[in-house]
Amino acid sequence: MPPGEAPSRVLVIDDDERFRERLVRAFVRHGFEARGAASAREALDAARDFRPGYAVIDLRLPDGSGLELVRELKAMDASTTVVVLTGYGSIATAVEAVRRGATHYLAKPADVDDILLAFAGATLPSGQEAALTHEVPSLARAEWEHIQRVLADCGGNISQAARLLRIQRRSLQRKLAKYPVAK
């Protein structure tokens, strides 16, 4: 950040406290002024006082939809750059997020570098430079990360995770026995 320039403000909205706090700390290390919020209501209150230039919003919040929050934050300040995160992505929700004002839609687990690239893509001409430097995970890596997320959501219950993933329990056990796939 150039000397004398005020730090950009980012608001991180996610009900997963550990993930939210990790992102807030990472943004601070990158020179941002960052705050976190655990719910839509908390985010709206924080946005009124904090006036963020950037927002990272989880799709599923305990008191509402992240999609509705995108619309409300954009109504407060249309220049806010919004990135939506989700562990359960679909084309329909991605299209809806962009329609409501989000500039990017990322699947979890996303790190601060992925989010910064999404922010940069919103401000660079057609995001070409950011797209060239962004490393897309392989299909095998994306599958492994999705399995890990579903397993964590099930509290480590392999049978329940296998049902949600619609695969045989034994097939899931075989996939889990393998080492994580490199990016």
C-alpha atoms as a PDB file:
ATOM      1  CA  MET A   1       0.000   0.000   0.000  1.00  0.00           C
ATOM      2  CA  PRO A   2       1.424   3.418  -0.909  1.00  0.00           C
ATOM      3  CA  PRO A   3       2.551   5.600   2.041  1.00  0.00           C
ATOM      4  CA  GLY A   4      -0.086   8.023   3.240  1.00  0.00           C
ATOM      5  CA  GLU A   5      -2.952   6.086   1.677  1.00  0.00           C
ATOM      6  CA  ALA A   6      -5.716   4.957   4.020  1.00  0.00           C
ATOM      7  CA  PRO A   7      -6.102   1.183   4.260  1.00  0.00           C
ATOM      8  CA  SER A   8      -8.988  -0.372   2.386  1.00  0.00           C
ATOM      9  CA  ARG A   9     -11.749  -1.747   4.575  1.00  0.00           C
ATOM     10  CA  VAL A  10     -13.050  -5.288   4.275  1.00  0.00           C
ATOM     11  CA  LEU A  11     -15.979  -6.869   6.111  1.00  0.00           C
ATOM     12  CA  VAL A  12     -15.903 -10.681   6.445  1.00  0.00           C
ATOM     13  CA  ILE A  13     -19.324 -12.252   7.087  1.00  0.00           C
ATOM     14  CA  ASP A  14     -19.268 -15.950   7.984  1.00  0.00           C
ATOM     15  CA  ASP A  15     -20.851 -17.933  10.815  1.00  0.00           C
ATOM     16  CA  ASP A  16     -17.782 -20.207  11.086  1.00  0.00           C
ATOM     17  CA  GLU A  17     -15.844 -18.295  13.747  1.00  0.00           C
ATOM     18  CA  ARG A  18     -12.459 -19.923  13.086  1.00  0.00           C
ATOM     19  CA  PHE A  19     -12.645 -19.356   9.329  1.00  0.00           C
ATOM     20  CA  ARG A  20     -13.894 -15.781   9.767  1.00  0.00           C
ATOM     21  CA  GLU A  21     -11.160 -14.835  12.245  1.00  0.00           C
ATOM     22  CA  ARG A  22      -8.481 -16.459  10.071  1.00  0.00           C
ATOM     23  CA  LEU A  23      -9.604 -14.369   7.094  1.00  0.00           C
ATOM     24  CA  VAL A  24      -9.751 -11.169   9.162  1.00  0.00           C
ATOM     25  CA  ARG A  25      -6.171 -11.732  10.407  1.00  0.00           C
ATOM     26  CA  ALA A  26      -4.983 -12.509   6.867  1.00  0.00           C
ATOM     27  CA  PHE A  27      -6.549  -9.314   5.486  1.00  0.00           C
ATOM     28  CA  VAL A  28      -4.906  -7.274   8.251  1.00  0.00           C
ATOM     29  CA  ARG A  29      -1.533  -8.818   7.321  1.00  0.00           C
ATOM     30  CA  HIS A  30      -2.188  -7.712   3.720  1.00  0.00           C
ATOM     31  CA  GLY A  31      -2.700  -4.096   4.822  1.00  0.00           C
ATOM     32  CA  PHE A  32      -6.493  -3.975   5.068  1.00  0.00           C
ATOM     33  CA  GLU A  33      -8.566  -2.688   7.928  1.00  0.00           C
ATOM     34  CA  ALA A  34     -10.761  -5.742   8.545  1.00  0.00           C
ATOM     35  CA  ARG A  35     -13.742  -6.668  10.705  1.00  0.00           C
ATOM     36  CA  GLY A  36     -15.815  -9.813  11.012  1.00  0.00           C
ATOM     37  CA  ALA A  37     -19.506 -10.500  11.474  1.00  0.00           C
ATOM     38  CA  ALA A  38     -21.238 -13.796  12.305  1.00  0.00           C
ATOM     39  CA  SER A  39     -24.725 -13.014  10.956  1.00  0.00           C
ATOM     40  CA  ALA A  40     -26.581 -10.853   8.465  1.00  0.00           C
ATOM     41  CA  ARG A  41     -27.927  -8.578  11.196  1.00  0.00           C
ATOM     42  CA  GLU A  42     -24.461  -8.125  12.697  1.00  0.00           C
ATOM     43  CA  ALA A  43     -23.038  -7.456   9.217  1.00  0.00           C
ATOM     44  CA  LEU A  44     -25.579  -4.734   8.439  1.00  0.00           C
ATOM     45  CA  ASP A  45     -24.876  -3.008  11.769  1.00  0.00           C
ATOM     46  CA  ALA A  46     -21.114  -3.215  11.163  1.00  0.00           C
ATOM     47  CA  ALA A  47     -21.460  -1.955   7.564  1.00  0.00           C
ATOM     48  CA  ARG A  48     -23.320   1.172   8.705  1.00  0.00           C
ATOM     49  CA  ASP A  49     -20.459   2.149  11.047  1.00  0.00           C
ATOM     50  CA  PHE A  50     -17.459   0.628   9.248  1.00  0.00           C
ATOM     51  CA  ARG A  51     -18.339   1.570   5.620  1.00  0.00           C
ATOM     52  CA  PRO A  52     -16.350  -1.239   3.943  1.00  0.00           C
ATOM     53  CA  GLY A  53     -15.087  -0.988   0.387  1.00  0.00           C
ATOM     54  CA  TYR A  54     -15.010  -4.788   0.185  1.00  0.00           C
ATOM     55  CA  ALA A  55     -17.178  -7.556   1.613  1.00  0.00           C
ATOM     56  CA  VAL A  56     -16.740 -11.330   1.766  1.00  0.00           C
ATOM     57  CA  ILE A  57     -20.082 -13.031   2.399  1.00  0.00           C
ATOM     58  CA  ASP A  58     -20.854 -16.666   3.171  1.00  0.00           C
ATOM     59  CA  LEU A  59     -23.895 -17.896   1.259  1.00  0.00           C
ATOM     60  CA  ARG A  60     -25.486 -19.581   4.286  1.00  0.00           C
ATOM     61  CA  LEU A  61     -25.912 -17.470   7.397  1.00  0.00           C
ATOM     62  CA  PRO A  62     -27.808 -18.379  10.569  1.00  0.00           C
ATOM     63  CA  ASP A  63     -30.317 -15.531  10.200  1.00  0.00           C
ATOM     64  CA  GLY A  64     -30.727 -15.308   6.448  1.00  0.00           C
ATOM     65  CA  SER A  65     -29.294 -15.749   3.025  1.00  0.00           C
ATOM     66  CA  GLY A  66     -25.986 -14.294   1.940  1.00  0.00           C
ATOM     67  CA  LEU A  67     -27.684 -13.474  -1.373  1.00  0.00           C
ATOM     68  CA  GLU A  68     -30.111 -11.131   0.366  1.00  0.00           C
ATOM     69  CA  LEU A  69     -27.217  -9.577   2.276  1.00  0.00           C
ATOM     70  CA  VAL A  70     -25.434  -8.863  -1.031  1.00  0.00           C
ATOM     71  CA  ARG A  71     -28.443  -6.843  -2.162  1.00  0.00           C
ATOM     72  CA  GLU A  72     -28.664  -4.956   1.144  1.00  0.00           C
ATOM     73  CA  LEU A  73     -24.952  -4.084   1.244  1.00  0.00           C
ATOM     74  CA  LYS A  74     -25.034  -2.917  -2.395  1.00  0.00           C
ATOM     75  CA  ALA A  75     -28.085  -0.763  -1.552  1.00  0.00           C
ATOM     76  CA  MET A  76     -26.073   0.885   1.253  1.00  0.00           C
ATOM     77  CA  ASP A  77     -23.083   1.555  -1.029  1.00  0.00           C
ATOM     78  CA  ALA A  78     -23.147   0.513  -4.670  1.00  0.00           C
ATOM     79  CA  SER A  79     -19.347   0.807  -4.932  1.00  0.00           C
ATOM     80  CA  THR A  80     -18.750  -2.026  -2.422  1.00  0.00           C
ATOM     81  CA  THR A  81     -16.956  -4.942  -4.069  1.00  0.00           C
ATOM     82  CA  VAL A  82     -18.638  -8.159  -2.898  1.00  0.00           C
ATOM     83  CA  VAL A  83     -17.334 -11.729  -3.093  1.00  0.00           C
ATOM     84  CA  VAL A  84     -19.676 -14.582  -2.134  1.00  0.00           C
ATOM     85  CA  LEU A  85     -18.211 -17.768  -0.601  1.00  0.00           C
ATOM     86  CA  THR A  86     -19.974 -21.085  -0.337  1.00  0.00           C
ATOM     87  CA  GLY A  87     -19.234 -24.676   0.495  1.00  0.00           C
ATOM     88  CA  TYR A  88     -22.216 -25.786  -1.593  1.00  0.00           C
ATOM     89  CA  GLY A  89     -21.848 -24.020  -4.908  1.00  0.00           C
ATOM     90  CA  SER A  90     -24.172 -24.272  -7.851  1.00  0.00           C
ATOM     91  CA  ILE A  91     -24.511 -22.448 -11.127  1.00  0.00           C
ATOM     92  CA  ALA A  92     -27.931 -21.130 -10.128  1.00  0.00           C
ATOM     93  CA  THR A  93     -26.688 -19.509  -6.911  1.00  0.00           C
ATOM     94  CA  ALA A  94     -23.596 -18.126  -8.671  1.00  0.00           C
ATOM     95  CA  VAL A  95     -25.776 -16.466 -11.308  1.00  0.00           C
ATOM     96  CA  GLU A  96     -28.133 -15.124  -8.633  1.00  0.00           C
ATOM     97  CA  ALA A  97     -25.223 -13.740  -6.560  1.00  0.00           C
ATOM     98  CA  VAL A  98     -23.865 -11.852  -9.572  1.00  0.00           C
ATOM     99  CA  ARG A  99     -27.346 -10.658 -10.510  1.00  0.00           C
ATOM    100  CA  ARG A 100     -27.736  -9.179  -7.015  1.00  0.00           C
ATOM    101  CA  GLY A 101     -24.423  -7.330  -7.221  1.00  0.00           C
ATOM    102  CA  ALA A 102     -21.610  -9.707  -6.259  1.00  0.00           C
ATOM    103  CA  THR A 103     -18.516  -9.342  -8.391  1.00  0.00           C
ATOM    104  CA  HIS A 104     -17.271 -12.865  -7.793  1.00  0.00           C
ATOM    105  CA  TYR A 105     -18.392 -16.235  -6.426  1.00  0.00           C
ATOM    106  CA  LEU A 106     -15.857 -18.637  -4.853  1.00  0.00           C
ATOM    107  CA  ALA A 107     -16.161 -22.150  -3.477  1.00  0.00           C
ATOM    108  CA  LYS A 108     -14.815 -22.882  -0.009  1.00  0.00           C
ATOM    109  CA  PRO A 109     -12.214 -23.486   1.104  1.00  0.00           C
ATOM    110  CA  ALA A 110     -10.957 -20.202  -0.331  1.00  0.00           C
ATOM    111  CA  ASP A 111      -7.959 -18.446   1.124  1.00  0.00           C
ATOM    112  CA  VAL A 112      -7.177 -14.743   1.260  1.00  0.00           C
ATOM    113  CA  ASP A 113      -5.112 -14.931  -1.946  1.00  0.00           C
ATOM    114  CA  ASP A 114      -8.112 -16.294  -3.877  1.00  0.00           C
ATOM    115  CA  ILE A 115     -10.293 -13.513  -2.483  1.00  0.00           C
ATOM    116  CA  LEU A 116      -7.711 -10.812  -3.253  1.00  0.00           C
ATOM    117  CA  LEU A 117      -7.576 -12.072  -6.842  1.00  0.00           C
ATOM    118  CA  ALA A 118     -11.360 -11.845  -7.011  1.00  0.00           C
ATOM    119  CA  PHE A 119     -11.187  -8.263  -5.658  1.00  0.00           C
ATOM    120  CA  ALA A 120      -8.456  -7.435  -8.199  1.00  0.00           C
ATOM    121  CA  GLY A 121     -10.471  -8.988 -11.017  1.00  0.00           C
ATOM    122  CA  ALA A 122     -13.251  -6.556 -10.210  1.00  0.00           C
ATOM    123  CA  THR A 123     -10.947  -3.545 -10.557  1.00  0.00           C
ATOM    124  CA  LEU A 124      -8.607  -4.621 -13.378  1.00  0.00           C
ATOM    125  CA  PRO A 125      -9.681  -4.401 -17.005  1.00  0.00           C
ATOM    126  CA  SER A 126     -11.764  -7.559 -17.437  1.00  0.00           C
ATOM    127  CA  GLY A 127      -9.732  -9.272 -14.690  1.00  0.00           C
ATOM    128  CA  GLN A 128      -7.230 -10.632 -17.217  1.00  0.00           C
ATOM    129  CA  GLU A 129      -4.115 -10.145 -15.063  1.00  0.00           C
ATOM    130  CA  ALA A 130      -5.739 -11.815 -12.054  1.00  0.00           C
ATOM    131  CA  ALA A 131      -6.978 -14.692 -14.198  1.00  0.00           C
ATOM    132  CA  LEU A 132      -3.488 -15.320 -15.506  1.00  0.00           C
ATOM    133  CA  THR A 133      -1.976 -15.586 -12.022  1.00  0.00           C
ATOM    134  CA  HIS A 134      -4.807 -17.580 -10.424  1.00  0.00           C
ATOM    135  CA  GLU A 135      -4.128 -21.290 -10.101  1.00  0.00           C
ATOM    136  CA  VAL A 136      -7.269 -23.362 -10.630  1.00  0.00           C
ATOM    137  CA  PRO A 137      -7.327 -26.547  -8.544  1.00  0.00           C
ATOM    138  CA  SER A 138      -7.455 -29.863 -10.364  1.00  0.00           C
ATOM    139  CA  LEU A 139     -10.715 -31.786 -10.484  1.00  0.00           C
ATOM    140  CA  ALA A 140      -9.238 -34.424  -8.151  1.00  0.00           C
ATOM    141  CA  ARG A 141      -8.247 -31.703  -5.649  1.00  0.00           C
ATOM    142  CA  ALA A 142     -11.707 -30.104  -5.803  1.00  0.00           C
ATOM    143  CA  GLU A 143     -13.298 -33.520  -5.196  1.00  0.00           C
ATOM    144  CA  TRP A 144     -10.993 -34.192  -2.231  1.00  0.00           C
ATOM    145  CA  GLU A 145     -11.763 -30.771  -0.693  1.00  0.00           C
ATOM    146  CA  HIS A 146     -15.504 -31.287  -1.166  1.00  0.00           C
ATOM    147  CA  ILE A 147     -15.346 -34.698   0.526  1.00  0.00           C
ATOM    148  CA  GLN A 148     -13.422 -33.171   3.438  1.00  0.00           C
ATOM    149  CA  ARG A 149     -15.995 -30.386   3.814  1.00  0.00           C
ATOM    150  CA  VAL A 150     -18.956 -32.800   3.799  1.00  0.00           C
ATOM    151  CA  LEU A 151     -17.171 -35.105   6.249  1.00  0.00           C
ATOM    152  CA  ALA A 152     -16.497 -32.153   8.575  1.00  0.00           C
ATOM    153  CA  ASP A 153     -20.151 -31.074   8.332  1.00  0.00           C
ATOM    154  CA  CYS A 154     -21.124 -34.614   9.365  1.00  0.00           C
ATOM    155  CA  GLY A 155     -18.826 -34.508  12.386  1.00  0.00           C
ATOM    156  CA  GLY A 156     -16.591 -37.231  10.924  1.00  0.00           C
ATOM    157  CA  ASN A 157     -19.465 -39.711  10.471  1.00  0.00           C
ATOM    158  CA  ILE A 158     -18.429 -41.631   7.354  1.00  0.00           C
ATOM    159  CA  SER A 159     -21.811 -43.337   6.878  1.00  0.00           C
ATOM    160  CA  GLN A 160     -23.702 -40.049   6.967  1.00  0.00           C
ATOM    161  CA  ALA A 161     -21.151 -38.367   4.664  1.00  0.00           C
ATOM    162  CA  ALA A 162     -21.426 -41.260   2.178  1.00  0.00           C
ATOM    163  CA  ARG A 163     -25.231 -40.866   2.128  1.00  0.00           C
ATOM    164  CA  LEU A 164     -24.950 -37.115   1.481  1.00  0.00           C
ATOM    165  CA  LEU A 165     -22.355 -37.656  -1.243  1.00  0.00           C
ATOM    166  CA  ARG A 166     -24.509 -40.443  -2.725  1.00  0.00           C
ATOM    167  CA  ILE A 167     -21.669 -42.961  -2.829  1.00  0.00           C
ATOM    168  CA  GLN A 168     -21.070 -46.286  -1.119  1.00  0.00           C
ATOM    169  CA  ARG A 169     -19.551 -46.116   2.348  1.00  0.00           C
ATOM    170  CA  ARG A 170     -16.668 -48.353   1.267  1.00  0.00           C
ATOM    171  CA  SER A 171     -15.941 -46.134  -1.749  1.00  0.00           C
ATOM    172  CA  LEU A 172     -15.731 -43.142   0.558  1.00  0.00           C
ATOM    173  CA  GLN A 173     -13.389 -45.038   2.883  1.00  0.00           C
ATOM    174  CA  ARG A 174     -11.096 -45.818  -0.076  1.00  0.00           C
ATOM    175  CA  LYS A 175     -11.046 -42.151  -1.128  1.00  0.00           C
ATOM    176  CA  LEU A 176     -10.253 -41.087   2.432  1.00  0.00           C
ATOM    177  CA  ALA A 177      -7.392 -43.602   2.694  1.00  0.00           C
ATOM    178  CA  LYS A 178      -5.567 -41.841  -0.153  1.00  0.00           C
ATOM    179  CA  TYR A 179      -3.284 -38.891   0.471  1.00  0.00           C
ATOM    180  CA  PRO A 180      -4.621 -35.417  -0.373  1.00  0.00           C
ATOM    181  CA  VAL A 181      -4.225 -34.532  -4.013  1.00  0.00           C
ATOM    182  CA  ALA A 182      -1.755 -31.751  -4.757  1.00  0.00           C
ATOM    183  CA  LYS A 183      -3.268 -28.587  -6.209  1.00  0.00           C
END
